């Protein structure tokens, strides 16, 4: 039996930590897994070698025993195959399971040189991926054991990123594939801008069941609220929001826009005029000489931010409403006014 340097197989030094060994195995297993290279016999053998090395070095106790045997593993296995009784004396820190002193190893075999005795059973358990009870002798008779496990059996018990979920299978790339989850269900919630501003609730029907859903403040058209495990068969439920247009406000994300009509007197002489917001009414100071289309920004009077903190702003755009159907006296007064004021050319 050829001695195999498992450290060289995984490309790590003998001083490598368990984490480094695990990382090296993951990296190489992704490259040489038979599912990645179907029909490549060399890749399949390479993967078996990697799995064998990881089975030993990845287990601290097995690694300790392997380190104790060292390169003498080849001579021990050859002596066992030759049959009869062999012994080997060893000294120094690399000999025996205890790691020191004079240690004597004995190998016993029956007539079948292909089936080693009790001591070789240990090597098959550690290095051959077989059941530890396979081939053990009981009263001179051999007890039927478990045959060496195939790749599927080995991989079904593997997990490179934690224990696999029940029913999970290994897949190329080094991760275990979780069982498929139920599909995500969707429901639609329509609401007014005021409801989107303050937050509200809706009753949605999904899978024959009625569910009350809390709509947080600040949702916009297309906002999605995910409820884990509330869908059919334990799947997730996603509630998609639709916000109806408002007769007064125009929404731009978290900001709102509003048109404010002004009389000629208010625009010309200035005034304090009420402005309706979604939180209530506020007073806006309009300075004298306010032009048509001037925009005022009211900080914090917009929508709550659905994902984030604070509120948007309210932009108030003026629209000057001119008087119509002037009487003769009013017309004369207007002409007199325009003669008195400086009139810049608007064009």
C-alpha atoms as a PDB file:
ATOM      1  CA  UNK A   1       0.000   0.000   0.000  1.00  0.00           C
ATOM      2  CA  UNK A   2       1.543   3.256  -1.103  1.00  0.00           C
ATOM      3  CA  UNK A   3       2.191   5.824   1.602  1.00  0.00           C
ATOM      4  CA  UNK A   4       0.212   8.983   0.938  1.00  0.00           C
ATOM      5  CA  UNK A   5       1.275  12.336   2.251  1.00  0.00           C
ATOM      6  CA  UNK A   6      -2.106  13.867   3.003  1.00  0.00           C
ATOM      7  CA  UNK A   7      -0.564  17.241   3.708  1.00  0.00           C
ATOM      8  CA  UNK A   8       0.913  17.265   0.208  1.00  0.00           C
ATOM      9  CA  UNK A   9      -2.412  16.082  -1.233  1.00  0.00           C
ATOM     10  CA  UNK A  10      -4.145  19.134   0.237  1.00  0.00           C
ATOM     11  CA  UNK A  11      -1.171  21.416  -0.407  1.00  0.00           C
ATOM     12  CA  UNK A  12      -0.804  22.543   3.213  1.00  0.00           C
ATOM     13  CA  UNK A  13       2.141  22.407   5.641  1.00  0.00           C
ATOM     14  CA  UNK A  14       2.142  20.010   8.581  1.00  0.00           C
ATOM     15  CA  UNK A  15       1.686  23.017  10.871  1.00  0.00           C
ATOM     16  CA  UNK A  16      -1.555  24.037   9.148  1.00  0.00           C
ATOM     17  CA  UNK A  17      -4.510  24.827  11.388  1.00  0.00           C
ATOM     18  CA  UNK A  18      -7.812  22.959  11.111  1.00  0.00           C
ATOM     19  CA  UNK A  19      -9.293  26.014   9.447  1.00  0.00           C
ATOM     20  CA  UNK A  20      -6.525  26.106   6.824  1.00  0.00           C
ATOM     21  CA  UNK A  21      -7.031  22.407   6.108  1.00  0.00           C
ATOM     22  CA  UNK A  22     -10.758  22.884   5.677  1.00  0.00           C
ATOM     23  CA  UNK A  23     -10.213  25.881   3.396  1.00  0.00           C
ATOM     24  CA  UNK A  24      -7.718  24.009   1.219  1.00  0.00           C
ATOM     25  CA  UNK A  25     -10.084  21.042   0.871  1.00  0.00           C
ATOM     26  CA  UNK A  26     -12.988  23.287  -0.134  1.00  0.00           C
ATOM     27  CA  UNK A  27     -10.923  25.008  -2.797  1.00  0.00           C
ATOM     28  CA  UNK A  28      -9.608  21.811  -4.361  1.00  0.00           C
ATOM     29  CA  UNK A  29     -12.924  19.938  -4.081  1.00  0.00           C
ATOM     30  CA  UNK A  30     -14.662  22.616  -6.126  1.00  0.00           C
ATOM     31  CA  UNK A  31     -12.147  22.141  -8.923  1.00  0.00           C
ATOM     32  CA  UNK A  32     -11.952  18.338  -9.028  1.00  0.00           C
ATOM     33  CA  UNK A  33     -15.489  17.282  -8.115  1.00  0.00           C
ATOM     34  CA  UNK A  34     -16.835  14.733 -10.669  1.00  0.00           C
ATOM     35  CA  UNK A  35     -19.952  16.814 -11.192  1.00  0.00           C
ATOM     36  CA  UNK A  36     -17.741  19.663 -12.371  1.00  0.00           C
ATOM     37  CA  UNK A  37     -15.691  17.401 -14.649  1.00  0.00           C
ATOM     38  CA  UNK A  38     -18.040  14.587 -15.690  1.00  0.00           C
ATOM     39  CA  UNK A  39     -16.300  11.621 -17.284  1.00  0.00           C
ATOM     40  CA  UNK A  40     -12.831  12.747 -16.178  1.00  0.00           C
ATOM     41  CA  UNK A  41     -11.359   9.691 -14.462  1.00  0.00           C
ATOM     42  CA  UNK A  42      -8.310  11.609 -13.293  1.00  0.00           C
ATOM     43  CA  UNK A  43     -10.485  14.266 -11.645  1.00  0.00           C
ATOM     44  CA  UNK A  44     -12.584  11.586  -9.954  1.00  0.00           C
ATOM     45  CA  UNK A  45      -9.472   9.879  -8.556  1.00  0.00           C
ATOM     46  CA  UNK A  46      -8.080  13.232  -7.470  1.00  0.00           C
ATOM     47  CA  UNK A  47     -11.326  13.992  -5.663  1.00  0.00           C
ATOM     48  CA  UNK A  48     -11.198  10.624  -3.898  1.00  0.00           C
ATOM     49  CA  UNK A  49      -7.651  11.395  -2.760  1.00  0.00           C
ATOM     50  CA  UNK A  50      -8.731  14.811  -1.502  1.00  0.00           C
ATOM     51  CA  UNK A  51     -11.679  13.314   0.352  1.00  0.00           C
ATOM     52  CA  UNK A  52      -9.434  10.675   1.931  1.00  0.00           C
ATOM     53  CA  UNK A  53      -6.927  13.305   3.042  1.00  0.00           C
ATOM     54  CA  UNK A  54      -9.653  15.546   4.463  1.00  0.00           C
ATOM     55  CA  UNK A  55     -11.280  12.639   6.303  1.00  0.00           C
ATOM     56  CA  UNK A  56      -8.035  12.166   8.252  1.00  0.00           C
ATOM     57  CA  UNK A  57      -6.572  15.662   8.605  1.00  0.00           C
ATOM     58  CA  UNK A  58      -9.971  17.257   9.119  1.00  0.00           C
ATOM     59  CA  UNK A  59     -10.521  15.129  12.248  1.00  0.00           C
ATOM     60  CA  UNK A  60      -8.188  16.271  15.069  1.00  0.00           C
ATOM     61  CA  UNK A  61      -8.025  12.810  16.653  1.00  0.00           C
ATOM     62  CA  UNK A  62      -7.377  10.978  13.384  1.00  0.00           C
ATOM     63  CA  UNK A  63      -4.819  13.600  12.414  1.00  0.00           C
ATOM     64  CA  UNK A  64      -2.977  13.035  15.682  1.00  0.00           C
ATOM     65  CA  UNK A  65      -2.781   9.314  14.991  1.00  0.00           C
ATOM     66  CA  UNK A  66      -1.663   9.892  11.405  1.00  0.00           C
ATOM     67  CA  UNK A  67       1.062  12.291  12.547  1.00  0.00           C
ATOM     68  CA  UNK A  68       2.265   9.676  15.031  1.00  0.00           C
ATOM     69  CA  UNK A  69       2.727   7.028  12.291  1.00  0.00           C
ATOM     70  CA  UNK A  70       4.447   9.374   9.867  1.00  0.00           C
ATOM     71  CA  UNK A  71       6.136   7.967   6.757  1.00  0.00           C
ATOM     72  CA  UNK A  72       6.510   4.505   8.404  1.00  0.00           C
ATOM     73  CA  UNK A  73       2.922   3.803   7.344  1.00  0.00           C
ATOM     74  CA  UNK A  74       4.228   2.286   4.091  1.00  0.00           C
ATOM     75  CA  UNK A  75       6.506  -0.233   5.818  1.00  0.00           C
ATOM     76  CA  UNK A  76       3.808  -1.203   8.331  1.00  0.00           C
ATOM     77  CA  UNK A  77       1.245  -1.950   5.633  1.00  0.00           C
ATOM     78  CA  UNK A  78       3.798  -3.912   3.540  1.00  0.00           C
ATOM     79  CA  UNK A  79       4.682  -6.068   6.558  1.00  0.00           C
ATOM     80  CA  UNK A  80       1.000  -6.788   7.129  1.00  0.00           C
ATOM     81  CA  UNK A  81       0.466  -7.866   3.510  1.00  0.00           C
ATOM     82  CA  UNK A  82       3.403 -10.259   3.674  1.00  0.00           C
ATOM     83  CA  UNK A  83       1.491 -12.277   6.324  1.00  0.00           C
ATOM     84  CA  UNK A  84       2.719 -13.904   9.502  1.00  0.00           C
ATOM     85  CA  UNK A  85       3.887 -11.931  12.491  1.00  0.00           C
ATOM     86  CA  UNK A  86       5.903  -8.785  12.171  1.00  0.00           C
ATOM     87  CA  UNK A  87       7.120  -6.336  14.707  1.00  0.00           C
ATOM     88  CA  UNK A  88       8.669  -2.966  14.499  1.00  0.00           C
ATOM     89  CA  UNK A  89      10.493  -1.081  17.228  1.00  0.00           C
ATOM     90  CA  UNK A  90      10.358   2.663  17.154  1.00  0.00           C
ATOM     91  CA  UNK A  91      11.901   5.419  19.148  1.00  0.00           C
ATOM     92  CA  UNK A  92      11.701   9.191  19.082  1.00  0.00           C
ATOM     93  CA  UNK A  93       8.855  11.672  19.085  1.00  0.00           C
ATOM     94  CA  UNK A  94       7.408  10.512  15.740  1.00  0.00           C
ATOM     95  CA  UNK A  95       6.917   6.846  16.637  1.00  0.00           C
ATOM     96  CA  UNK A  96       3.825   5.139  18.030  1.00  0.00           C
ATOM     97  CA  UNK A  97       0.525   6.599  19.132  1.00  0.00           C
ATOM     98  CA  UNK A  98       1.997   7.984  22.330  1.00  0.00           C
ATOM     99  CA  UNK A  99       4.535  10.073  20.473  1.00  0.00           C
ATOM    100  CA  UNK A 100       7.644   8.846  22.369  1.00  0.00           C
ATOM    101  CA  UNK A 101       9.497   5.962  24.059  1.00  0.00           C
ATOM    102  CA  UNK A 102      10.134   2.432  22.765  1.00  0.00           C
ATOM    103  CA  UNK A 103       6.902   1.226  21.247  1.00  0.00           C
ATOM    104  CA  UNK A 104       6.314  -2.210  19.755  1.00  0.00           C
ATOM    105  CA  UNK A 105       3.703  -2.754  17.011  1.00  0.00           C
ATOM    106  CA  UNK A 106       2.414  -6.214  16.068  1.00  0.00           C
ATOM    107  CA  UNK A 107       0.443  -7.198  12.971  1.00  0.00           C
ATOM    108  CA  UNK A 108      -1.626 -10.371  12.759  1.00  0.00           C
ATOM    109  CA  UNK A 109      -3.278 -11.715   9.636  1.00  0.00           C
ATOM    110  CA  UNK A 110      -5.184 -14.819   8.690  1.00  0.00           C
ATOM    111  CA  UNK A 111      -4.712 -16.711   5.501  1.00  0.00           C
ATOM    112  CA  UNK A 112      -6.275 -13.962   3.487  1.00  0.00           C
ATOM    113  CA  UNK A 113      -3.556 -11.443   2.816  1.00  0.00           C
ATOM    114  CA  UNK A 114      -6.118  -9.032   1.401  1.00  0.00           C
ATOM    115  CA  UNK A 115      -7.897  -8.733   4.770  1.00  0.00           C
ATOM    116  CA  UNK A 116      -5.639  -7.377   7.488  1.00  0.00           C
ATOM    117  CA  UNK A 117      -6.128  -8.229  11.155  1.00  0.00           C
ATOM    118  CA  UNK A 118      -7.386  -6.106  13.991  1.00  0.00           C
ATOM    119  CA  UNK A 119      -4.654  -3.511  13.565  1.00  0.00           C
ATOM    120  CA  UNK A 120      -5.292  -3.129   9.843  1.00  0.00           C
ATOM    121  CA  UNK A 121      -8.986  -2.629  10.552  1.00  0.00           C
ATOM    122  CA  UNK A 122      -7.967   0.592  12.251  1.00  0.00           C
ATOM    123  CA  UNK A 123      -6.190   1.736   9.088  1.00  0.00           C
ATOM    124  CA  UNK A 124      -9.199   0.891   6.939  1.00  0.00           C
ATOM    125  CA  UNK A 125     -11.386   2.885   9.303  1.00  0.00           C
ATOM    126  CA  UNK A 126      -9.065   5.915   9.298  1.00  0.00           C
ATOM    127  CA  UNK A 127      -7.749   5.849   5.749  1.00  0.00           C
ATOM    128  CA  UNK A 128     -10.299   3.883   3.735  1.00  0.00           C
ATOM    129  CA  UNK A 129     -13.684   5.503   4.452  1.00  0.00           C
ATOM    130  CA  UNK A 130     -15.209   2.254   5.714  1.00  0.00           C
ATOM    131  CA  UNK A 131     -17.394   1.439   8.658  1.00  0.00           C
ATOM    132  CA  UNK A 132     -15.225   0.914  11.777  1.00  0.00           C
ATOM    133  CA  UNK A 133     -16.933  -2.485  12.378  1.00  0.00           C
ATOM    134  CA  UNK A 134     -16.271  -3.718   8.842  1.00  0.00           C
ATOM    135  CA  UNK A 135     -14.351  -6.991   8.795  1.00  0.00           C
ATOM    136  CA  UNK A 136     -13.738  -7.261  12.558  1.00  0.00           C
ATOM    137  CA  UNK A 137     -13.121 -10.791  13.719  1.00  0.00           C
ATOM    138  CA  UNK A 138     -15.448 -12.382  16.244  1.00  0.00           C
ATOM    139  CA  UNK A 139     -14.486 -15.845  17.508  1.00  0.00           C
ATOM    140  CA  UNK A 140     -12.389 -16.602  14.460  1.00  0.00           C
ATOM    141  CA  UNK A 141     -15.166 -15.666  12.042  1.00  0.00           C
ATOM    142  CA  UNK A 142     -15.324 -12.430  10.097  1.00  0.00           C
ATOM    143  CA  UNK A 143     -18.368 -10.258  10.718  1.00  0.00           C
ATOM    144  CA  UNK A 144     -19.807  -8.749   7.584  1.00  0.00           C
ATOM    145  CA  UNK A 145     -19.142  -5.030   7.562  1.00  0.00           C
ATOM    146  CA  UNK A 146     -20.038  -2.055   5.466  1.00  0.00           C
ATOM    147  CA  UNK A 147     -18.430  -1.789   2.082  1.00  0.00           C
ATOM    148  CA  UNK A 148     -16.405   1.324   1.291  1.00  0.00           C
ATOM    149  CA  UNK A 149     -18.722   4.242   0.824  1.00  0.00           C
ATOM    150  CA  UNK A 150     -19.159   5.733  -2.621  1.00  0.00           C
ATOM    151  CA  UNK A 151     -18.867   9.412  -3.393  1.00  0.00           C
ATOM    152  CA  UNK A 152     -22.608   9.989  -3.053  1.00  0.00           C
ATOM    153  CA  UNK A 153     -22.626   8.445   0.426  1.00  0.00           C
ATOM    154  CA  UNK A 154     -19.600  10.468   1.476  1.00  0.00           C
ATOM    155  CA  UNK A 155     -20.951  13.724   0.087  1.00  0.00           C
ATOM    156  CA  UNK A 156     -24.425  13.220   1.548  1.00  0.00           C
ATOM    157  CA  UNK A 157     -22.904  13.570   5.002  1.00  0.00           C
ATOM    158  CA  UNK A 158     -20.667  16.481   4.131  1.00  0.00           C
ATOM    159  CA  UNK A 159     -21.213  20.139   4.755  1.00  0.00           C
ATOM    160  CA  UNK A 160     -18.669  22.775   3.905  1.00  0.00           C
ATOM    161  CA  UNK A 161     -20.657  25.643   5.428  1.00  0.00           C
ATOM    162  CA  UNK A 162     -22.242  24.080   8.481  1.00  0.00           C
ATOM    163  CA  UNK A 163     -24.522  21.090   8.840  1.00  0.00           C
ATOM    164  CA  UNK A 164     -26.793  20.613   5.821  1.00  0.00           C
ATOM    165  CA  UNK A 165     -30.519  20.953   6.118  1.00  0.00           C
ATOM    166  CA  UNK A 166     -32.507  17.702   6.077  1.00  0.00           C
ATOM    167  CA  UNK A 167     -32.666  16.434   2.515  1.00  0.00           C
ATOM    168  CA  UNK A 168     -29.885  18.757   1.356  1.00  0.00           C
ATOM    169  CA  UNK A 169     -27.456  17.540  -1.297  1.00  0.00           C
ATOM    170  CA  UNK A 170     -23.919  18.598  -2.174  1.00  0.00           C
ATOM    171  CA  UNK A 171     -23.530  20.659  -5.289  1.00  0.00           C
ATOM    172  CA  UNK A 172     -20.456  21.909  -7.169  1.00  0.00           C
ATOM    173  CA  UNK A 173     -19.053  25.069  -5.603  1.00  0.00           C
ATOM    174  CA  UNK A 174     -18.759  23.652  -2.111  1.00  0.00           C
ATOM    175  CA  UNK A 175     -22.198  24.494  -0.742  1.00  0.00           C
ATOM    176  CA  UNK A 176     -25.087  22.313   0.260  1.00  0.00           C
ATOM    177  CA  UNK A 177     -28.334  22.959  -1.583  1.00  0.00           C
ATOM    178  CA  UNK A 178     -31.272  23.457   0.769  1.00  0.00           C
ATOM    179  CA  UNK A 179     -34.623  21.849  -0.074  1.00  0.00           C
ATOM    180  CA  UNK A 180     -36.759  24.072  -2.328  1.00  0.00           C
ATOM    181  CA  UNK A 181     -38.874  26.600  -0.455  1.00  0.00           C
ATOM    182  CA  UNK A 182     -42.510  27.303  -1.252  1.00  0.00           C
ATOM    183  CA  UNK A 183     -42.999  30.025  -3.883  1.00  0.00           C
ATOM    184  CA  UNK A 184     -43.437  33.623  -2.771  1.00  0.00           C
ATOM    185  CA  UNK A 185     -47.044  34.836  -2.942  1.00  0.00           C
ATOM    186  CA  UNK A 186     -48.017  38.416  -3.798  1.00  0.00           C
ATOM    187  CA  UNK A 187     -50.953  40.610  -2.832  1.00  0.00           C
ATOM    188  CA  UNK A 188     -51.805  44.223  -3.734  1.00  0.00           C
ATOM    189  CA  UNK A 189     -52.775  46.985  -1.294  1.00  0.00           C
ATOM    190  CA  UNK A 190     -54.270  50.228  -2.670  1.00  0.00           C
ATOM    191  CA  UNK A 191     -54.284  53.332  -0.494  1.00  0.00           C
ATOM    192  CA  UNK A 192     -54.683  57.100  -0.579  1.00  0.00           C
ATOM    193  CA  UNK A 193     -51.790  59.529  -0.163  1.00  0.00           C
ATOM    194  CA  UNK A 194     -53.037  60.423   3.319  1.00  0.00           C
ATOM    195  CA  UNK A 195     -52.922  56.737   4.305  1.00  0.00           C
ATOM    196  CA  UNK A 196     -49.437  56.447   2.863  1.00  0.00           C
ATOM    197  CA  UNK A 197     -48.438  59.489   4.907  1.00  0.00           C
ATOM    198  CA  UNK A 198     -49.809  58.336   8.260  1.00  0.00           C
ATOM    199  CA  UNK A 199     -49.604  54.556   7.778  1.00  0.00           C
ATOM    200  CA  UNK A 200     -52.591  52.231   7.812  1.00  0.00           C
ATOM    201  CA  UNK A 201     -53.597  48.571   7.582  1.00  0.00           C
ATOM    202  CA  UNK A 202     -55.207  46.419   4.928  1.00  0.00           C
ATOM    203  CA  UNK A 203     -56.961  43.051   4.855  1.00  0.00           C
ATOM    204  CA  UNK A 204     -55.595  40.852   2.082  1.00  0.00           C
ATOM    205  CA  UNK A 205     -56.895  37.442   1.073  1.00  0.00           C
ATOM    206  CA  UNK A 206     -54.302  34.849   0.174  1.00  0.00           C
ATOM    207  CA  UNK A 207     -54.726  31.104  -0.118  1.00  0.00           C
ATOM    208  CA  UNK A 208     -58.326  31.336   1.080  1.00  0.00           C
ATOM    209  CA  UNK A 209     -57.264  33.114   4.275  1.00  0.00           C
ATOM    210  CA  UNK A 210     -57.716  36.747   5.312  1.00  0.00           C
ATOM    211  CA  UNK A 211     -54.686  38.468   6.774  1.00  0.00           C
ATOM    212  CA  UNK A 212     -54.394  41.959   8.249  1.00  0.00           C
ATOM    213  CA  UNK A 213     -51.262  43.696   6.995  1.00  0.00           C
ATOM    214  CA  UNK A 214     -49.767  46.790   8.625  1.00  0.00           C
ATOM    215  CA  UNK A 215     -48.723  49.422   6.082  1.00  0.00           C
ATOM    216  CA  UNK A 216     -45.962  51.628   7.542  1.00  0.00           C
ATOM    217  CA  UNK A 217     -45.827  55.382   6.862  1.00  0.00           C
ATOM    218  CA  UNK A 218     -44.029  56.544   3.745  1.00  0.00           C
ATOM    219  CA  UNK A 219     -44.832  53.741   1.313  1.00  0.00           C
ATOM    220  CA  UNK A 220     -44.837  54.705  -2.348  1.00  0.00           C
ATOM    221  CA  UNK A 221     -46.235  53.139  -5.484  1.00  0.00           C
ATOM    222  CA  UNK A 222     -44.372  49.858  -5.925  1.00  0.00           C
ATOM    223  CA  UNK A 223     -43.165  49.602  -2.321  1.00  0.00           C
ATOM    224  CA  UNK A 224     -42.964  45.947  -1.260  1.00  0.00           C
ATOM    225  CA  UNK A 225     -43.628  44.674   2.253  1.00  0.00           C
ATOM    226  CA  UNK A 226     -42.345  41.130   2.848  1.00  0.00           C
ATOM    227  CA  UNK A 227     -44.012  38.964   5.492  1.00  0.00           C
ATOM    228  CA  UNK A 228     -41.917  35.888   6.227  1.00  0.00           C
ATOM    229  CA  UNK A 229     -43.860  32.632   6.461  1.00  0.00           C
ATOM    230  CA  UNK A 230     -47.278  34.267   5.982  1.00  0.00           C
ATOM    231  CA  UNK A 231     -47.900  32.893   2.508  1.00  0.00           C
ATOM    232  CA  UNK A 232     -49.423  29.544   1.494  1.00  0.00           C
ATOM    233  CA  UNK A 233     -47.627  26.408   2.736  1.00  0.00           C
ATOM    234  CA  UNK A 234     -45.363  28.471   4.980  1.00  0.00           C
ATOM    235  CA  UNK A 235     -43.910  30.542   2.141  1.00  0.00           C
ATOM    236  CA  UNK A 236     -43.373  34.298   2.219  1.00  0.00           C
ATOM    237  CA  UNK A 237     -45.992  36.899   1.332  1.00  0.00           C
ATOM    238  CA  UNK A 238     -45.076  40.132  -0.469  1.00  0.00           C
ATOM    239  CA  UNK A 239     -47.580  42.990  -0.346  1.00  0.00           C
ATOM    240  CA  UNK A 240     -47.142  45.439  -3.239  1.00  0.00           C
ATOM    241  CA  UNK A 241     -48.423  48.968  -2.541  1.00  0.00           C
ATOM    242  CA  UNK A 242     -50.322  51.137  -4.997  1.00  0.00           C
ATOM    243  CA  UNK A 243     -50.887  54.790  -4.051  1.00  0.00           C
ATOM    244  CA  UNK A 244     -53.719  56.597  -5.814  1.00  0.00           C
ATOM    245  CA  UNK A 245     -53.025  60.071  -7.281  1.00  0.00           C
ATOM    246  CA  UNK A 246     -54.008  63.043  -5.080  1.00  0.00           C
ATOM    247  CA  UNK A 247     -56.168  65.936  -6.223  1.00  0.00           C
ATOM    248  CA  UNK A 248     -53.901  68.556  -4.587  1.00  0.00           C
ATOM    249  CA  UNK A 249     -50.399  67.193  -4.074  1.00  0.00           C
ATOM    250  CA  UNK A 250     -47.944  65.804  -6.587  1.00  0.00           C
ATOM    251  CA  UNK A 251     -45.452  63.356  -5.153  1.00  0.00           C
ATOM    252  CA  UNK A 252     -41.765  63.128  -6.095  1.00  0.00           C
ATOM    253  CA  UNK A 253     -40.310  60.405  -3.881  1.00  0.00           C
ATOM    254  CA  UNK A 254     -40.442  61.792  -0.344  1.00  0.00           C
ATOM    255  CA  UNK A 255     -41.107  65.353  -1.578  1.00  0.00           C
ATOM    256  CA  UNK A 256     -44.484  66.890  -2.339  1.00  0.00           C
ATOM    257  CA  UNK A 257     -45.453  69.720  -4.675  1.00  0.00           C
ATOM    258  CA  UNK A 258     -48.408  72.081  -4.299  1.00  0.00           C
ATOM    259  CA  UNK A 259     -49.748  74.987  -6.355  1.00  0.00           C
ATOM    260  CA  UNK A 260     -50.780  78.044  -4.304  1.00  0.00           C
ATOM    261  CA  UNK A 261     -53.153  80.607  -5.893  1.00  0.00           C
ATOM    262  CA  UNK A 262     -52.443  84.277  -4.969  1.00  0.00           C
ATOM    263  CA  UNK A 263     -54.526  87.352  -5.609  1.00  0.00           C
ATOM    264  CA  UNK A 264     -52.946  90.319  -7.364  1.00  0.00           C
ATOM    265  CA  UNK A 265     -52.999  92.239  -4.090  1.00  0.00           C
ATOM    266  CA  UNK A 266     -51.258  89.392  -2.191  1.00  0.00           C
ATOM    267  CA  UNK A 267     -48.620  89.032  -4.859  1.00  0.00           C
ATOM    268  CA  UNK A 268     -48.102  92.754  -5.262  1.00  0.00           C
ATOM    269  CA  UNK A 269     -48.238  93.938  -1.662  1.00  0.00           C
ATOM    270  CA  UNK A 270     -47.326  90.723   0.185  1.00  0.00           C
ATOM    271  CA  UNK A 271     -49.384  88.767   2.716  1.00  0.00           C
ATOM    272  CA  UNK A 272     -49.581  85.767   5.001  1.00  0.00           C
ATOM    273  CA  UNK A 273     -51.597  83.018   3.337  1.00  0.00           C
ATOM    274  CA  UNK A 274     -52.618  79.576   4.641  1.00  0.00           C
ATOM    275  CA  UNK A 275     -51.086  76.478   3.050  1.00  0.00           C
ATOM    276  CA  UNK A 276     -52.602  73.018   3.525  1.00  0.00           C
ATOM    277  CA  UNK A 277     -50.158  70.213   4.276  1.00  0.00           C
ATOM    278  CA  UNK A 278     -50.758  66.516   5.060  1.00  0.00           C
ATOM    279  CA  UNK A 279     -50.002  67.310   8.702  1.00  0.00           C
ATOM    280  CA  UNK A 280     -52.338  70.297   8.892  1.00  0.00           C
ATOM    281  CA  UNK A 281     -52.478  73.951   7.915  1.00  0.00           C
ATOM    282  CA  UNK A 282     -49.472  76.289   8.128  1.00  0.00           C
ATOM    283  CA  UNK A 283     -49.073  79.997   7.346  1.00  0.00           C
ATOM    284  CA  UNK A 284     -46.750  81.090   4.534  1.00  0.00           C
ATOM    285  CA  UNK A 285     -45.352  84.602   4.373  1.00  0.00           C
ATOM    286  CA  UNK A 286     -45.520  85.877   0.797  1.00  0.00           C
ATOM    287  CA  UNK A 287     -43.193  88.856   0.288  1.00  0.00           C
ATOM    288  CA  UNK A 288     -44.295  91.913  -1.735  1.00  0.00           C
ATOM    289  CA  UNK A 289     -43.725  91.642  -5.453  1.00  0.00           C
ATOM    290  CA  UNK A 290     -43.971  87.860  -5.595  1.00  0.00           C
ATOM    291  CA  UNK A 291     -43.899  86.757  -9.212  1.00  0.00           C
ATOM    292  CA  UNK A 292     -46.012  84.135 -10.890  1.00  0.00           C
ATOM    293  CA  UNK A 293     -44.456  80.668 -10.501  1.00  0.00           C
ATOM    294  CA  UNK A 294     -42.166  81.492  -7.572  1.00  0.00           C
ATOM    295  CA  UNK A 295     -41.519  78.380  -5.462  1.00  0.00           C
ATOM    296  CA  UNK A 296     -41.268  78.261  -1.684  1.00  0.00           C
ATOM    297  CA  UNK A 297     -39.729  75.293   0.141  1.00  0.00           C
ATOM    298  CA  UNK A 298     -41.319  74.144   3.398  1.00  0.00           C
ATOM    299  CA  UNK A 299     -38.729  71.887   5.045  1.00  0.00           C
ATOM    300  CA  UNK A 300     -39.987  68.655   6.604  1.00  0.00           C
ATOM    301  CA  UNK A 301     -43.549  69.043   5.322  1.00  0.00           C
ATOM    302  CA  UNK A 302     -43.239  66.196   2.798  1.00  0.00           C
ATOM    303  CA  UNK A 303     -43.683  62.417   3.127  1.00  0.00           C
ATOM    304  CA  UNK A 304     -42.010  60.202   5.719  1.00  0.00           C
ATOM    305  CA  UNK A 305     -39.140  58.236   4.219  1.00  0.00           C
ATOM    306  CA  UNK A 306     -40.171  54.590   3.807  1.00  0.00           C
ATOM    307  CA  UNK A 307     -36.606  53.339   4.085  1.00  0.00           C
ATOM    308  CA  UNK A 308     -34.692  55.817   6.164  1.00  0.00           C
ATOM    309  CA  UNK A 309     -35.360  58.568   8.654  1.00  0.00           C
ATOM    310  CA  UNK A 310     -36.902  62.024   8.523  1.00  0.00           C
ATOM    311  CA  UNK A 311     -39.318  63.510   6.026  1.00  0.00           C
ATOM    312  CA  UNK A 312     -39.157  65.093   2.629  1.00  0.00           C
ATOM    313  CA  UNK A 313     -40.047  68.712   1.831  1.00  0.00           C
ATOM    314  CA  UNK A 314     -43.103  70.489   0.458  1.00  0.00           C
ATOM    315  CA  UNK A 315     -42.531  72.787  -2.548  1.00  0.00           C
ATOM    316  CA  UNK A 316     -45.203  75.491  -2.946  1.00  0.00           C
ATOM    317  CA  UNK A 317     -45.411  77.082  -6.386  1.00  0.00           C
ATOM    318  CA  UNK A 318     -47.391  80.349  -6.697  1.00  0.00           C
ATOM    319  CA  UNK A 319     -50.019  81.082  -9.289  1.00  0.00           C
ATOM    320  CA  UNK A 320     -51.170  84.733  -9.457  1.00  0.00           C
ATOM    321  CA  UNK A 321     -54.877  85.131 -10.220  1.00  0.00           C
ATOM    322  CA  UNK A 322     -55.629  88.444 -11.969  1.00  0.00           C
ATOM    323  CA  UNK A 323     -58.944  90.279 -11.583  1.00  0.00           C
ATOM    324  CA  UNK A 324     -61.302  90.305 -14.558  1.00  0.00           C
ATOM    325  CA  UNK A 325     -64.242  92.427 -15.756  1.00  0.00           C
ATOM    326  CA  UNK A 326     -62.894  95.722 -14.382  1.00  0.00           C
ATOM    327  CA  UNK A 327     -65.317  98.574 -14.082  1.00  0.00           C
ATOM    328  CA  UNK A 328     -64.548 101.951 -15.670  1.00  0.00           C
ATOM    329  CA  UNK A 329     -63.458 103.310 -12.316  1.00  0.00           C
ATOM    330  CA  UNK A 330     -61.255 100.287 -11.622  1.00  0.00           C
ATOM    331  CA  UNK A 331     -59.714 100.531 -15.039  1.00  0.00           C
ATOM    332  CA  UNK A 332     -58.868 104.216 -14.442  1.00  0.00           C
ATOM    333  CA  UNK A 333     -57.357 103.361 -11.075  1.00  0.00           C
ATOM    334  CA  UNK A 334     -55.267 100.601 -12.594  1.00  0.00           C
ATOM    335  CA  UNK A 335     -53.971 102.905 -15.299  1.00  0.00           C
ATOM    336  CA  UNK A 336     -53.109 105.486 -12.661  1.00  0.00           C
ATOM    337  CA  UNK A 337     -51.242 102.802 -10.649  1.00  0.00           C
ATOM    338  CA  UNK A 338     -49.215 101.651 -13.641  1.00  0.00           C
ATOM    339  CA  UNK A 339     -48.263 105.246 -14.390  1.00  0.00           C
ATOM    340  CA  UNK A 340     -46.848 105.539 -10.878  1.00  0.00           C
ATOM    341  CA  UNK A 341     -44.877 102.291 -10.631  1.00  0.00           C
ATOM    342  CA  UNK A 342     -41.702 101.346 -12.419  1.00  0.00           C
ATOM    343  CA  UNK A 343     -42.601  98.673 -14.949  1.00  0.00           C
ATOM    344  CA  UNK A 344     -39.606  96.563 -16.115  1.00  0.00           C
ATOM    345  CA  UNK A 345     -39.921  95.146 -19.620  1.00  0.00           C
ATOM    346  CA  UNK A 346     -40.887  91.460 -19.082  1.00  0.00           C
ATOM    347  CA  UNK A 347     -39.717  90.579 -22.596  1.00  0.00           C
END
